[in-house]
Amino acid sequence: MTRHSNHSNPGFKAFEQELEVVKNKLTEFLEEHNQRKTPERYAILEEIYKIDEHFDIDFLYKLFKQRQFQVSKATIYNTLELLLEAGLVRKHQFGKIQAFYEKSFFNKNHDHIIMLDDFQIIEFCDPRIEQIKNDFETAMDIEIESHTLYFYARKNKSKKSSKNK
């Protein structure tokens, strides 16, 4: 679920550059809002940007516990709230299940299909949705800052053959 470090890997260097950018964004946000620049906040941000999937607070808490880094669930929750406000993470509430988060700074806009059978989350991007958004902006003389689209689905059951009808 998480990306593994490999210093000789070109992808690792790109990750390090992206991480530096988001750390700088966090620093700017904290300074603008007179918030403390704590090691915990930066550690949480770094771990989030290593994760390539949606995650919840419990996942982050267990991750830090495995790494023997002392951080409370309250600190994780409060840091996530700051990161949301700073535009560095995105929060999703997929139906009645708990809130999930994902990194957002370098992510393109995308939508989700939530499989109700196994709660798998499938991300997709369809240019037609972007066109619909653009059409609404023009027709209503507005600027849509962001959007969220969730489809809730179940796997199709095998179709009965015509012999069984």
Protein backbone atom coordinates (compact mmCIF):
# COMPACT_ATOMS: atom_id res chain seq x y z
CA MET A 1 0.00 0.00 0.00
CA THR A 2 2.90 2.39 0.57
CA ARG A 3 5.69 3.35 -1.74
CA HIS A 4 9.11 1.91 -0.90
CA SER A 5 12.23 4.09 -0.92
CA ASN A 6 14.99 3.37 -3.38
CA HIS A 7 17.57 6.12 -3.64
CA SER A 8 18.84 4.93 -7.05
CA ASN A 9 15.31 4.89 -8.49
CA PRO A 10 14.43 8.00 -10.58
CA GLY A 11 10.89 7.77 -9.16
CA PHE A 12 12.33 8.22 -5.68
CA LYS A 13 14.03 11.46 -6.70
CA ALA A 14 10.76 12.76 -8.15
CA PHE A 15 9.01 11.77 -4.91
CA GLU A 16 11.63 13.65 -2.87
CA GLN A 17 11.06 16.75 -5.03
CA GLU A 18 7.27 16.50 -4.63
CA LEU A 19 7.69 16.01 -0.89
CA GLU A 20 9.82 19.14 -0.66
CA VAL A 21 7.10 21.12 -2.48
CA VAL A 22 4.32 19.95 -0.14
CA LYS A 23 6.47 20.53 2.94
CA ASN A 24 7.06 24.09 1.74
CA LYS A 25 3.30 24.53 1.18
CA LEU A 26 2.65 23.29 4.70
CA THR A 27 5.28 25.65 6.11
CA GLU A 28 3.69 28.61 4.28
CA PHE A 29 0.23 27.62 5.54
CA LEU A 30 1.39 27.21 9.15
CA GLU A 31 3.19 30.56 9.10
CA GLU A 32 0.19 32.37 7.56
CA HIS A 33 -2.10 30.92 10.23
CA ASN A 34 0.30 31.35 13.17
CA GLN A 35 0.46 27.58 13.75
CA ARG A 36 3.41 25.66 15.19
CA LYS A 37 5.72 23.77 12.82
CA THR A 38 5.93 20.50 14.75
CA PRO A 39 7.88 17.40 13.69
CA GLU A 40 4.66 15.37 14.01
CA ARG A 41 2.87 17.47 11.40
CA TYR A 42 5.69 17.04 8.90
CA ALA A 43 5.99 13.30 9.64
CA ILE A 44 2.25 12.83 9.05
CA LEU A 45 2.44 14.81 5.80
CA GLU A 46 5.38 12.71 4.60
CA GLU A 47 3.64 9.42 5.36
CA ILE A 48 0.48 10.58 3.59
CA TYR A 49 2.44 11.41 0.45
CA LYS A 50 3.98 7.92 0.47
CA ILE A 51 0.51 6.33 0.36
CA ASP A 52 -0.91 5.68 -3.10
CA GLU A 53 -4.43 4.78 -1.98
CA HIS A 54 -7.22 6.12 0.20
CA PHE A 55 -6.59 5.80 3.93
CA ASP A 56 -8.31 6.48 7.22
CA ILE A 57 -7.08 7.75 10.57
CA ASP A 58 -6.76 4.21 11.97
CA PHE A 59 -4.48 3.23 9.07
CA LEU A 60 -2.16 6.18 9.76
CA TYR A 61 -2.19 5.50 13.49
CA LYS A 62 -1.22 1.84 12.96
CA LEU A 63 1.48 2.88 10.49
CA PHE A 64 3.11 5.19 13.04
CA LYS A 65 2.74 2.60 15.77
CA GLN A 66 4.54 -0.01 13.60
CA ARG A 67 7.35 2.49 13.00
CA GLN A 68 7.45 3.21 16.75
CA PHE A 69 6.83 6.90 16.16
CA GLN A 70 4.81 8.32 19.04
CA VAL A 71 1.78 10.18 17.73
CA SER A 72 -1.75 10.15 19.09
CA LYS A 73 -4.93 9.69 17.08
CA ALA A 74 -5.93 13.19 18.16
CA THR A 75 -2.72 14.61 16.67
CA ILE A 76 -3.36 12.73 13.44
CA TYR A 77 -6.95 13.96 13.30
CA ASN A 78 -5.98 17.58 14.03
CA THR A 79 -3.14 17.46 11.49
CA LEU A 80 -5.48 16.07 8.85
CA GLU A 81 -7.83 18.98 9.50
CA LEU A 82 -4.93 21.41 8.96
CA LEU A 83 -3.85 19.59 5.81
CA LEU A 84 -7.43 19.74 4.49
CA GLU A 85 -7.53 23.47 5.06
CA ALA A 86 -4.12 23.84 3.40
CA GLY A 87 -5.34 21.90 0.33
CA LEU A 88 -2.79 19.12 0.79
CA VAL A 89 -5.29 16.32 1.42
CA ARG A 90 -8.84 15.59 0.33
CA LYS A 91 -11.51 13.99 2.54
CA HIS A 92 -14.14 11.55 1.29
CA GLN A 93 -17.21 10.25 3.07
CA PHE A 94 -18.19 7.18 1.09
CA GLY A 95 -21.73 6.50 2.30
CA LYS A 96 -22.03 5.37 5.89
CA ILE A 97 -18.47 4.12 6.21
CA GLN A 98 -15.84 6.18 8.01
CA ALA A 99 -14.06 9.10 6.38
CA PHE A 100 -11.21 8.37 4.02
CA TYR A 101 -8.48 10.70 2.90
CA GLU A 102 -6.05 10.97 0.01
CA LYS A 103 -3.19 13.24 -0.90
CA SER A 104 -4.38 15.97 -3.22
CA PHE A 105 -1.65 18.43 -4.17
CA PHE A 106 -0.38 16.62 -7.29
CA ASN A 107 -3.50 14.53 -7.95
CA LYS A 108 -5.64 15.29 -10.95
CA ASN A 109 -9.36 15.62 -10.42
CA HIS A 110 -10.97 12.19 -10.47
CA ASP A 111 -14.13 10.44 -9.39
CA HIS A 112 -14.92 7.26 -7.49
CA ILE A 113 -16.86 4.03 -7.77
CA ILE A 114 -17.45 2.43 -4.37
CA MET A 115 -18.08 -1.28 -4.63
CA LEU A 116 -20.63 -2.16 -1.96
CA ASP A 117 -19.74 -5.86 -2.12
CA ASP A 118 -16.21 -5.43 -0.78
CA PHE A 119 -15.86 -1.64 -0.27
CA GLN A 120 -13.17 -1.48 -2.93
CA ILE A 121 -12.70 2.09 -4.15
CA ILE A 122 -12.08 2.49 -7.87
CA GLU A 123 -10.83 5.83 -9.16
CA PHE A 124 -11.61 6.97 -12.68
CA CYS A 125 -11.38 10.05 -14.82
CA ASP A 126 -13.75 10.71 -17.70
CA PRO A 127 -13.37 13.85 -19.84
CA ARG A 128 -17.15 13.98 -20.35
CA ILE A 129 -17.55 14.90 -16.67
CA GLU A 130 -15.14 17.79 -17.13
CA GLN A 131 -17.18 18.92 -20.14
CA ILE A 132 -20.39 18.83 -18.09
CA LYS A 133 -18.66 20.93 -15.44
CA ASN A 134 -17.55 23.43 -18.07
CA ASP A 135 -21.07 23.58 -19.54
CA PHE A 136 -22.54 24.36 -16.09
CA GLU A 137 -19.96 27.08 -15.52
CA THR A 138 -20.84 28.74 -18.81
CA ALA A 139 -24.61 28.36 -18.50
CA MET A 140 -24.75 29.57 -14.91
CA ASP A 141 -21.89 32.09 -15.07
CA ILE A 142 -20.07 30.44 -12.17
CA GLU A 143 -16.65 28.98 -11.50
CA ILE A 144 -16.70 25.49 -10.00
CA GLU A 145 -13.70 25.12 -7.70
CA SER A 146 -13.99 21.38 -7.26
CA HIS A 147 -16.46 18.56 -7.55
CA THR A 148 -17.05 15.12 -6.09
CA LEU A 149 -18.82 12.30 -7.87
CA TYR A 150 -19.41 8.93 -6.25
CA PHE A 151 -21.05 5.92 -7.86
CA TYR A 152 -22.11 3.14 -5.50
CA ALA A 153 -22.14 -0.22 -7.26
CA ARG A 154 -22.40 -3.96 -6.83
CA LYS A 155 -20.84 -6.56 -9.05
CA ASN A 156 -23.23 -7.97 -11.63
CA LYS A 157 -24.41 -11.44 -10.84
CA SER A 158 -23.90 -13.99 -13.59
CA LYS A 159 -26.62 -13.65 -16.14
CA LYS A 160 -28.75 -16.71 -16.47
CA SER A 161 -28.36 -18.47 -19.71
CA SER A 162 -31.34 -18.55 -22.04
CA LYS A 163 -31.63 -22.29 -21.38
CA ASN A 164 -32.65 -21.66 -17.76
CA LYS A 165 -35.53 -19.32 -18.66
